[in-house]
């Protein structure tokens, strides 16, 4: 039980830290930061797959949270690629 409280506290602290960091980023650094976050989300997807496929003997909550993490990180990666594709389309020449 103490371990769960420790992990929950770590999660809440990381949420506050993430919100503060994102709010302090200037607009001209948003795109490089977003591409870095997409790379991190790719790594998160691997961990989420491992957690979602974990043995259910420990607790079913781990599998459920792994599935939620997988859905959220997949959404982040796909949306990041869509935004990058749209941004790169702004720099292509249009034919007459």
C-alpha atoms as a PDB file:
ATOM      1  CA  UNK A   1       0.000   0.000   0.000  1.00  0.00           C
ATOM      2  CA  UNK A   2       2.850   2.384   0.837  1.00  0.00           C
ATOM      3  CA  UNK A   3       4.385   1.680  -2.557  1.00  0.00           C
ATOM      4  CA  UNK A   4       1.134   2.621  -4.311  1.00  0.00           C
ATOM      5  CA  UNK A   5       0.934   5.906  -2.377  1.00  0.00           C
ATOM      6  CA  UNK A   6       4.568   6.648  -3.293  1.00  0.00           C
ATOM      7  CA  UNK A   7       3.879   6.003  -6.981  1.00  0.00           C
ATOM      8  CA  UNK A   8       0.726   8.107  -6.875  1.00  0.00           C
ATOM      9  CA  UNK A   9       2.610  10.997  -5.232  1.00  0.00           C
ATOM     10  CA  UNK A  10       5.337  10.735  -7.869  1.00  0.00           C
ATOM     11  CA  UNK A  11       2.697  10.819 -10.605  1.00  0.00           C
ATOM     12  CA  UNK A  12       1.018  13.932  -9.169  1.00  0.00           C
ATOM     13  CA  UNK A  13       4.358  15.740  -8.782  1.00  0.00           C
ATOM     14  CA  UNK A  14       5.300  14.887 -12.366  1.00  0.00           C
ATOM     15  CA  UNK A  15       1.939  16.239 -13.573  1.00  0.00           C
ATOM     16  CA  UNK A  16       2.538  19.580 -11.866  1.00  0.00           C
ATOM     17  CA  UNK A  17       6.108  19.725 -13.162  1.00  0.00           C
ATOM     18  CA  UNK A  18       4.988  18.925 -16.711  1.00  0.00           C
ATOM     19  CA  UNK A  19       2.317  21.624 -16.703  1.00  0.00           C
ATOM     20  CA  UNK A  20       4.785  24.213 -15.411  1.00  0.00           C
ATOM     21  CA  UNK A  21       7.408  23.292 -17.994  1.00  0.00           C
ATOM     22  CA  UNK A  22       5.003  23.366 -20.928  1.00  0.00           C
ATOM     23  CA  UNK A  23       3.556  26.723 -19.895  1.00  0.00           C
ATOM     24  CA  UNK A  24       7.042  28.268 -19.790  1.00  0.00           C
ATOM     25  CA  UNK A  25       8.057  27.185 -23.323  1.00  0.00           C
ATOM     26  CA  UNK A  26       8.267  30.047 -25.833  1.00  0.00           C
ATOM     27  CA  UNK A  27       6.317  29.560 -29.091  1.00  0.00           C
ATOM     28  CA  UNK A  28       9.436  29.302 -31.277  1.00  0.00           C
ATOM     29  CA  UNK A  29      10.604  26.251 -29.293  1.00  0.00           C
ATOM     30  CA  UNK A  30       7.257  24.478 -29.372  1.00  0.00           C
ATOM     31  CA  UNK A  31       7.907  22.427 -32.519  1.00  0.00           C
ATOM     32  CA  UNK A  32      11.287  20.963 -31.440  1.00  0.00           C
ATOM     33  CA  UNK A  33       9.823  20.210 -28.025  1.00  0.00           C
ATOM     34  CA  UNK A  34       6.847  18.495 -29.624  1.00  0.00           C
ATOM     35  CA  UNK A  35       9.078  16.240 -31.724  1.00  0.00           C
ATOM     36  CA  UNK A  36      11.032  15.314 -28.610  1.00  0.00           C
ATOM     37  CA  UNK A  37       7.794  14.510 -26.797  1.00  0.00           C
ATOM     38  CA  UNK A  38       6.768  12.254 -29.683  1.00  0.00           C
ATOM     39  CA  UNK A  39      10.005  10.308 -29.255  1.00  0.00           C
ATOM     40  CA  UNK A  40       9.320   9.984 -25.527  1.00  0.00           C
ATOM     41  CA  UNK A  41       5.765   8.826 -26.265  1.00  0.00           C
ATOM     42  CA  UNK A  42       7.198   6.118 -28.512  1.00  0.00           C
ATOM     43  CA  UNK A  43       9.217   4.864 -25.559  1.00  0.00           C
ATOM     44  CA  UNK A  44       6.136   5.155 -23.352  1.00  0.00           C
ATOM     45  CA  UNK A  45       4.252   2.950 -25.791  1.00  0.00           C
ATOM     46  CA  UNK A  46       6.776   0.149 -25.250  1.00  0.00           C
ATOM     47  CA  UNK A  47       6.398   0.400 -21.473  1.00  0.00           C
ATOM     48  CA  UNK A  48       2.624   0.549 -21.785  1.00  0.00           C
ATOM     49  CA  UNK A  49       2.564  -2.614 -23.890  1.00  0.00           C
ATOM     50  CA  UNK A  50       4.657  -4.364 -21.239  1.00  0.00           C
ATOM     51  CA  UNK A  51       2.362  -3.135 -18.457  1.00  0.00           C
ATOM     52  CA  UNK A  52      -0.824  -4.017 -20.362  1.00  0.00           C
ATOM     53  CA  UNK A  53       0.457  -7.526 -20.977  1.00  0.00           C
ATOM     54  CA  UNK A  54       1.692  -8.004 -17.405  1.00  0.00           C
ATOM     55  CA  UNK A  55       0.597 -10.935 -15.343  1.00  0.00           C
ATOM     56  CA  UNK A  56      -2.799 -10.180 -13.853  1.00  0.00           C
ATOM     57  CA  UNK A  57      -1.815 -11.987 -10.633  1.00  0.00           C
ATOM     58  CA  UNK A  58      -0.401  -8.777  -9.186  1.00  0.00           C
ATOM     59  CA  UNK A  59      -3.441  -6.576  -9.730  1.00  0.00           C
ATOM     60  CA  UNK A  60      -5.818  -5.971 -12.641  1.00  0.00           C
ATOM     61  CA  UNK A  61      -5.229  -2.242 -12.169  1.00  0.00           C
ATOM     62  CA  UNK A  62      -1.757  -2.554 -13.722  1.00  0.00           C
ATOM     63  CA  UNK A  63      -3.160  -3.995 -16.931  1.00  0.00           C
ATOM     64  CA  UNK A  64      -5.866  -1.336 -17.104  1.00  0.00           C
ATOM     65  CA  UNK A  65      -3.430   1.530 -16.510  1.00  0.00           C
ATOM     66  CA  UNK A  66      -1.096   0.013 -19.101  1.00  0.00           C
ATOM     67  CA  UNK A  67      -3.931  -0.002 -21.616  1.00  0.00           C
ATOM     68  CA  UNK A  68      -4.830   3.623 -20.806  1.00  0.00           C
ATOM     69  CA  UNK A  69      -1.166   4.622 -21.156  1.00  0.00           C
ATOM     70  CA  UNK A  70      -0.999   2.832 -24.495  1.00  0.00           C
ATOM     71  CA  UNK A  71      -4.082   4.632 -25.828  1.00  0.00           C
ATOM     72  CA  UNK A  72      -2.875   8.051 -24.659  1.00  0.00           C
ATOM     73  CA  UNK A  73       0.676   7.654 -25.943  1.00  0.00           C
ATOM     74  CA  UNK A  74      -0.559   6.332 -29.293  1.00  0.00           C
ATOM     75  CA  UNK A  75      -2.870   9.333 -29.589  1.00  0.00           C
ATOM     76  CA  UNK A  76       0.035  11.661 -28.834  1.00  0.00           C
ATOM     77  CA  UNK A  77       2.321  10.046 -31.423  1.00  0.00           C
ATOM     78  CA  UNK A  78      -0.333  10.018 -34.162  1.00  0.00           C
ATOM     79  CA  UNK A  79      -1.371  13.622 -33.470  1.00  0.00           C
ATOM     80  CA  UNK A  80       2.276  14.708 -33.456  1.00  0.00           C
ATOM     81  CA  UNK A  81       2.854  13.135 -36.857  1.00  0.00           C
ATOM     82  CA  UNK A  82      -0.311  14.767 -38.206  1.00  0.00           C
ATOM     83  CA  UNK A  83       0.794  18.202 -36.991  1.00  0.00           C
ATOM     84  CA  UNK A  84       4.302  17.682 -38.377  1.00  0.00           C
ATOM     85  CA  UNK A  85       2.900  16.589 -41.741  1.00  0.00           C
ATOM     86  CA  UNK A  86       0.656  19.644 -41.879  1.00  0.00           C
ATOM     87  CA  UNK A  87       3.525  21.929 -40.920  1.00  0.00           C
ATOM     88  CA  UNK A  88       5.815  20.466 -43.579  1.00  0.00           C
ATOM     89  CA  UNK A  89       3.053  20.909 -46.163  1.00  0.00           C
ATOM     90  CA  UNK A  90       3.275  24.652 -45.549  1.00  0.00           C
ATOM     91  CA  UNK A  91       6.819  24.627 -46.974  1.00  0.00           C
ATOM     92  CA  UNK A  92       6.139  22.693 -50.184  1.00  0.00           C
ATOM     93  CA  UNK A  93       5.784  24.525 -53.463  1.00  0.00           C
ATOM     94  CA  UNK A  94       2.395  24.582 -55.013  1.00  0.00           C
ATOM     95  CA  UNK A  95       2.166  23.804 -58.719  1.00  0.00           C
ATOM     96  CA  UNK A  96       0.563  26.374 -61.005  1.00  0.00           C
END
